[in-house]
């Protein structure tokens, strides 16, 4: 009986250790953004393991995407690195295919490098960005407030 109780305790304890980090609601500051006519991404809710949007944090973004300029596109939650080699592994939870019209989405990222988060539309055929918005802390958005995203519209 005692061995059964010990095994049960070890199993319960190991499940607690393996549980994902708790995310809480965070209000991000919006930064530079640009969209083609009729396209927009609206952030409805952000939860994160901390309000700092820094390395090690897990972030979930729920929102609404409206796409009018293309038949479909990839909407991605990515990080533009401010330090590092610029290479970033992308998880399937960071990308969703958006069809023309309006739809809700939920995307997740674990921040692996220093940088700024953004939601960006990418052309389904060419893979080139054509609209998006940056978000993060007030300090992060102040650092990139003069960022030029006009290349999204080329």
C-alpha atoms as a PDB file:
ATOM      1  CA  UNK A   1       0.000   0.000   0.000  1.00  0.00           C
ATOM      2  CA  UNK A   2       2.817   2.367   0.883  1.00  0.00           C
ATOM      3  CA  UNK A   3       4.543   1.761  -2.497  1.00  0.00           C
ATOM      4  CA  UNK A   4       1.289   2.583  -4.314  1.00  0.00           C
ATOM      5  CA  UNK A   5       1.004   5.878  -2.424  1.00  0.00           C
ATOM      6  CA  UNK A   6       4.616   6.792  -3.224  1.00  0.00           C
ATOM      7  CA  UNK A   7       4.144   5.983  -6.926  1.00  0.00           C
ATOM      8  CA  UNK A   8       0.917   8.013  -6.997  1.00  0.00           C
ATOM      9  CA  UNK A   9       2.680  10.962  -5.333  1.00  0.00           C
ATOM     10  CA  UNK A  10       5.588  10.818  -7.798  1.00  0.00           C
ATOM     11  CA  UNK A  11       3.167  10.718 -10.747  1.00  0.00           C
ATOM     12  CA  UNK A  12       1.183  13.691  -9.465  1.00  0.00           C
ATOM     13  CA  UNK A  13       4.342  15.661  -8.697  1.00  0.00           C
ATOM     14  CA  UNK A  14       5.806  15.009 -12.136  1.00  0.00           C
ATOM     15  CA  UNK A  15       2.608  16.232 -13.794  1.00  0.00           C
ATOM     16  CA  UNK A  16       2.879  19.487 -11.857  1.00  0.00           C
ATOM     17  CA  UNK A  17       6.459  19.960 -13.007  1.00  0.00           C
ATOM     18  CA  UNK A  18       5.533  19.311 -16.645  1.00  0.00           C
ATOM     19  CA  UNK A  19       2.610  21.744 -16.648  1.00  0.00           C
ATOM     20  CA  UNK A  20       2.983  24.671 -19.051  1.00  0.00           C
ATOM     21  CA  UNK A  21       3.726  28.076 -17.536  1.00  0.00           C
ATOM     22  CA  UNK A  22       0.694  30.070 -16.465  1.00  0.00           C
ATOM     23  CA  UNK A  23      -0.245  32.909 -18.806  1.00  0.00           C
ATOM     24  CA  UNK A  24      -2.045  36.027 -17.628  1.00  0.00           C
ATOM     25  CA  UNK A  25      -3.760  38.808 -19.541  1.00  0.00           C
ATOM     26  CA  UNK A  26      -1.399  41.532 -20.780  1.00  0.00           C
ATOM     27  CA  UNK A  27      -2.220  44.817 -22.489  1.00  0.00           C
ATOM     28  CA  UNK A  28       0.321  45.363 -25.264  1.00  0.00           C
ATOM     29  CA  UNK A  29       1.305  48.693 -26.775  1.00  0.00           C
ATOM     30  CA  UNK A  30       0.826  48.845 -30.539  1.00  0.00           C
ATOM     31  CA  UNK A  31       3.762  49.966 -32.623  1.00  0.00           C
ATOM     32  CA  UNK A  32       4.464  50.559 -36.306  1.00  0.00           C
ATOM     33  CA  UNK A  33       1.881  49.120 -38.673  1.00  0.00           C
ATOM     34  CA  UNK A  34       0.904  49.264 -42.313  1.00  0.00           C
ATOM     35  CA  UNK A  35      -1.793  47.479 -44.321  1.00  0.00           C
ATOM     36  CA  UNK A  36      -3.132  47.461 -47.856  1.00  0.00           C
ATOM     37  CA  UNK A  37      -6.634  48.884 -48.316  1.00  0.00           C
ATOM     38  CA  UNK A  38      -9.196  46.530 -46.788  1.00  0.00           C
ATOM     39  CA  UNK A  39      -6.689  44.446 -44.811  1.00  0.00           C
ATOM     40  CA  UNK A  40      -6.269  44.693 -41.044  1.00  0.00           C
ATOM     41  CA  UNK A  41      -5.340  42.577 -38.038  1.00  0.00           C
ATOM     42  CA  UNK A  42      -7.077  43.427 -34.784  1.00  0.00           C
ATOM     43  CA  UNK A  43      -5.611  42.154 -31.512  1.00  0.00           C
ATOM     44  CA  UNK A  44      -8.442  41.211 -29.149  1.00  0.00           C
ATOM     45  CA  UNK A  45      -6.567  39.498 -26.304  1.00  0.00           C
ATOM     46  CA  UNK A  46      -2.965  38.825 -25.337  1.00  0.00           C
ATOM     47  CA  UNK A  47      -1.884  36.487 -22.566  1.00  0.00           C
ATOM     48  CA  UNK A  48       1.735  35.915 -21.588  1.00  0.00           C
ATOM     49  CA  UNK A  49       3.903  34.414 -18.884  1.00  0.00           C
ATOM     50  CA  UNK A  50       5.136  37.964 -18.145  1.00  0.00           C
ATOM     51  CA  UNK A  51       4.252  41.485 -19.306  1.00  0.00           C
ATOM     52  CA  UNK A  52       7.813  42.061 -20.564  1.00  0.00           C
ATOM     53  CA  UNK A  53       7.663  40.157 -23.898  1.00  0.00           C
ATOM     54  CA  UNK A  54      11.239  38.940 -23.448  1.00  0.00           C
ATOM     55  CA  UNK A  55      13.287  35.783 -23.948  1.00  0.00           C
ATOM     56  CA  UNK A  56      11.651  32.766 -22.355  1.00  0.00           C
ATOM     57  CA  UNK A  57       8.136  34.213 -22.316  1.00  0.00           C
ATOM     58  CA  UNK A  58       5.241  32.325 -23.882  1.00  0.00           C
ATOM     59  CA  UNK A  59       2.679  34.554 -25.582  1.00  0.00           C
ATOM     60  CA  UNK A  60      -0.790  33.822 -26.972  1.00  0.00           C
ATOM     61  CA  UNK A  61      -2.539  36.324 -29.232  1.00  0.00           C
ATOM     62  CA  UNK A  62      -6.226  36.118 -30.116  1.00  0.00           C
ATOM     63  CA  UNK A  63      -7.636  38.415 -32.718  1.00  0.00           C
ATOM     64  CA  UNK A  64      -9.608  39.087 -35.833  1.00  0.00           C
ATOM     65  CA  UNK A  65      -8.120  39.274 -39.330  1.00  0.00           C
ATOM     66  CA  UNK A  66      -9.759  40.947 -42.301  1.00  0.00           C
ATOM     67  CA  UNK A  67      -8.238  40.181 -45.687  1.00  0.00           C
ATOM     68  CA  UNK A  68      -9.482  41.905 -48.842  1.00  0.00           C
ATOM     69  CA  UNK A  69      -6.384  42.431 -51.039  1.00  0.00           C
ATOM     70  CA  UNK A  70      -5.659  38.705 -51.622  1.00  0.00           C
ATOM     71  CA  UNK A  71      -7.646  35.480 -51.891  1.00  0.00           C
ATOM     72  CA  UNK A  72      -5.605  34.005 -49.032  1.00  0.00           C
ATOM     73  CA  UNK A  73      -2.502  34.699 -46.991  1.00  0.00           C
ATOM     74  CA  UNK A  74      -0.458  33.381 -44.107  1.00  0.00           C
ATOM     75  CA  UNK A  75      -0.825  35.343 -40.895  1.00  0.00           C
ATOM     76  CA  UNK A  76       2.205  34.832 -38.662  1.00  0.00           C
ATOM     77  CA  UNK A  77       3.134  35.768 -35.120  1.00  0.00           C
ATOM     78  CA  UNK A  78       6.893  36.293 -35.357  1.00  0.00           C
ATOM     79  CA  UNK A  79       9.793  38.055 -33.703  1.00  0.00           C
ATOM     80  CA  UNK A  80      12.141  40.518 -35.387  1.00  0.00           C
ATOM     81  CA  UNK A  81      15.437  40.014 -33.599  1.00  0.00           C
ATOM     82  CA  UNK A  82      17.261  43.016 -32.183  1.00  0.00           C
ATOM     83  CA  UNK A  83      20.227  40.822 -31.180  1.00  0.00           C
ATOM     84  CA  UNK A  84      21.228  37.569 -32.805  1.00  0.00           C
ATOM     85  CA  UNK A  85      21.705  36.080 -36.236  1.00  0.00           C
ATOM     86  CA  UNK A  86      18.154  36.723 -37.458  1.00  0.00           C
ATOM     87  CA  UNK A  87      17.380  33.035 -37.879  1.00  0.00           C
ATOM     88  CA  UNK A  88      14.265  31.900 -36.090  1.00  0.00           C
ATOM     89  CA  UNK A  89      12.582  28.528 -35.876  1.00  0.00           C
ATOM     90  CA  UNK A  90       8.850  28.758 -36.585  1.00  0.00           C
ATOM     91  CA  UNK A  91       6.350  26.549 -34.811  1.00  0.00           C
ATOM     92  CA  UNK A  92       3.073  25.600 -36.514  1.00  0.00           C
ATOM     93  CA  UNK A  93       1.182  27.428 -33.735  1.00  0.00           C
ATOM     94  CA  UNK A  94       2.665  30.725 -34.991  1.00  0.00           C
ATOM     95  CA  UNK A  95       0.987  30.581 -38.413  1.00  0.00           C
ATOM     96  CA  UNK A  96      -2.556  30.384 -39.736  1.00  0.00           C
ATOM     97  CA  UNK A  97      -3.951  30.567 -43.274  1.00  0.00           C
ATOM     98  CA  UNK A  98      -6.444  33.402 -43.662  1.00  0.00           C
ATOM     99  CA  UNK A  99      -8.993  33.358 -46.490  1.00  0.00           C
ATOM    100  CA  UNK A 100     -10.428  36.475 -48.072  1.00  0.00           C
ATOM    101  CA  UNK A 101     -12.985  37.980 -45.716  1.00  0.00           C
ATOM    102  CA  UNK A 102     -12.896  38.084 -41.939  1.00  0.00           C
ATOM    103  CA  UNK A 103     -11.997  35.400 -39.424  1.00  0.00           C
ATOM    104  CA  UNK A 104     -10.785  35.024 -35.864  1.00  0.00           C
ATOM    105  CA  UNK A 105      -7.398  33.524 -35.011  1.00  0.00           C
ATOM    106  CA  UNK A 106      -5.252  32.360 -32.119  1.00  0.00           C
ATOM    107  CA  UNK A 107      -1.475  32.228 -32.457  1.00  0.00           C
ATOM    108  CA  UNK A 108       1.215  31.262 -29.931  1.00  0.00           C
ATOM    109  CA  UNK A 109       4.946  31.878 -29.631  1.00  0.00           C
ATOM    110  CA  UNK A 110       7.725  31.191 -27.173  1.00  0.00           C
ATOM    111  CA  UNK A 111      10.210  34.044 -27.412  1.00  0.00           C
ATOM    112  CA  UNK A 112      13.678  32.591 -27.999  1.00  0.00           C
ATOM    113  CA  UNK A 113      15.660  35.753 -28.807  1.00  0.00           C
ATOM    114  CA  UNK A 114      15.705  39.452 -27.966  1.00  0.00           C
ATOM    115  CA  UNK A 115      13.435  41.373 -30.287  1.00  0.00           C
ATOM    116  CA  UNK A 116      10.018  42.727 -31.154  1.00  0.00           C
ATOM    117  CA  UNK A 117       6.842  40.749 -31.769  1.00  0.00           C
ATOM    118  CA  UNK A 118       4.700  41.333 -34.831  1.00  0.00           C
ATOM    119  CA  UNK A 119       1.649  39.952 -36.608  1.00  0.00           C
ATOM    120  CA  UNK A 120       2.295  39.966 -40.345  1.00  0.00           C
ATOM    121  CA  UNK A 121       0.454  38.891 -43.491  1.00  0.00           C
ATOM    122  CA  UNK A 122       2.585  36.939 -45.989  1.00  0.00           C
ATOM    123  CA  UNK A 123       1.653  36.298 -49.624  1.00  0.00           C
ATOM    124  CA  UNK A 124       0.697  32.639 -50.121  1.00  0.00           C
ATOM    125  CA  UNK A 125       2.683  32.347 -53.377  1.00  0.00           C
ATOM    126  CA  UNK A 126       5.754  34.530 -52.930  1.00  0.00           C
ATOM    127  CA  UNK A 127       6.069  34.468 -49.147  1.00  0.00           C
ATOM    128  CA  UNK A 128       6.650  38.236 -49.119  1.00  0.00           C
ATOM    129  CA  UNK A 129       5.117  40.358 -46.340  1.00  0.00           C
ATOM    130  CA  UNK A 130       2.340  42.752 -47.322  1.00  0.00           C
ATOM    131  CA  UNK A 131       0.968  44.097 -44.070  1.00  0.00           C
ATOM    132  CA  UNK A 132       1.280  43.870 -40.347  1.00  0.00           C
ATOM    133  CA  UNK A 133       1.706  45.448 -36.954  1.00  0.00           C
ATOM    134  CA  UNK A 134       4.294  45.359 -34.199  1.00  0.00           C
ATOM    135  CA  UNK A 135       3.355  45.190 -30.519  1.00  0.00           C
ATOM    136  CA  UNK A 136       5.061  44.888 -27.153  1.00  0.00           C
ATOM    137  CA  UNK A 137       5.919  47.011 -24.151  1.00  0.00           C
ATOM    138  CA  UNK A 138       5.906  50.818 -24.276  1.00  0.00           C
ATOM    139  CA  UNK A 139       9.729  50.802 -24.111  1.00  0.00           C
ATOM    140  CA  UNK A 140      10.019  48.298 -26.984  1.00  0.00           C
ATOM    141  CA  UNK A 141       7.616  50.251 -29.191  1.00  0.00           C
ATOM    142  CA  UNK A 142       9.410  53.524 -28.448  1.00  0.00           C
ATOM    143  CA  UNK A 143      12.661  51.913 -29.644  1.00  0.00           C
ATOM    144  CA  UNK A 144      11.112  51.091 -33.034  1.00  0.00           C
ATOM    145  CA  UNK A 145       8.699  54.012 -33.358  1.00  0.00           C
ATOM    146  CA  UNK A 146      10.463  55.293 -36.477  1.00  0.00           C
ATOM    147  CA  UNK A 147      10.603  51.865 -38.158  1.00  0.00           C
ATOM    148  CA  UNK A 148       9.647  52.129 -41.851  1.00  0.00           C
ATOM    149  CA  UNK A 149       7.313  49.348 -43.007  1.00  0.00           C
ATOM    150  CA  UNK A 150       6.586  50.848 -46.428  1.00  0.00           C
ATOM    151  CA  UNK A 151       8.334  47.859 -48.056  1.00  0.00           C
ATOM    152  CA  UNK A 152       5.248  45.832 -47.069  1.00  0.00           C
ATOM    153  CA  UNK A 153       3.347  47.748 -49.766  1.00  0.00           C
ATOM    154  CA  UNK A 154       5.870  47.217 -52.633  1.00  0.00           C
END
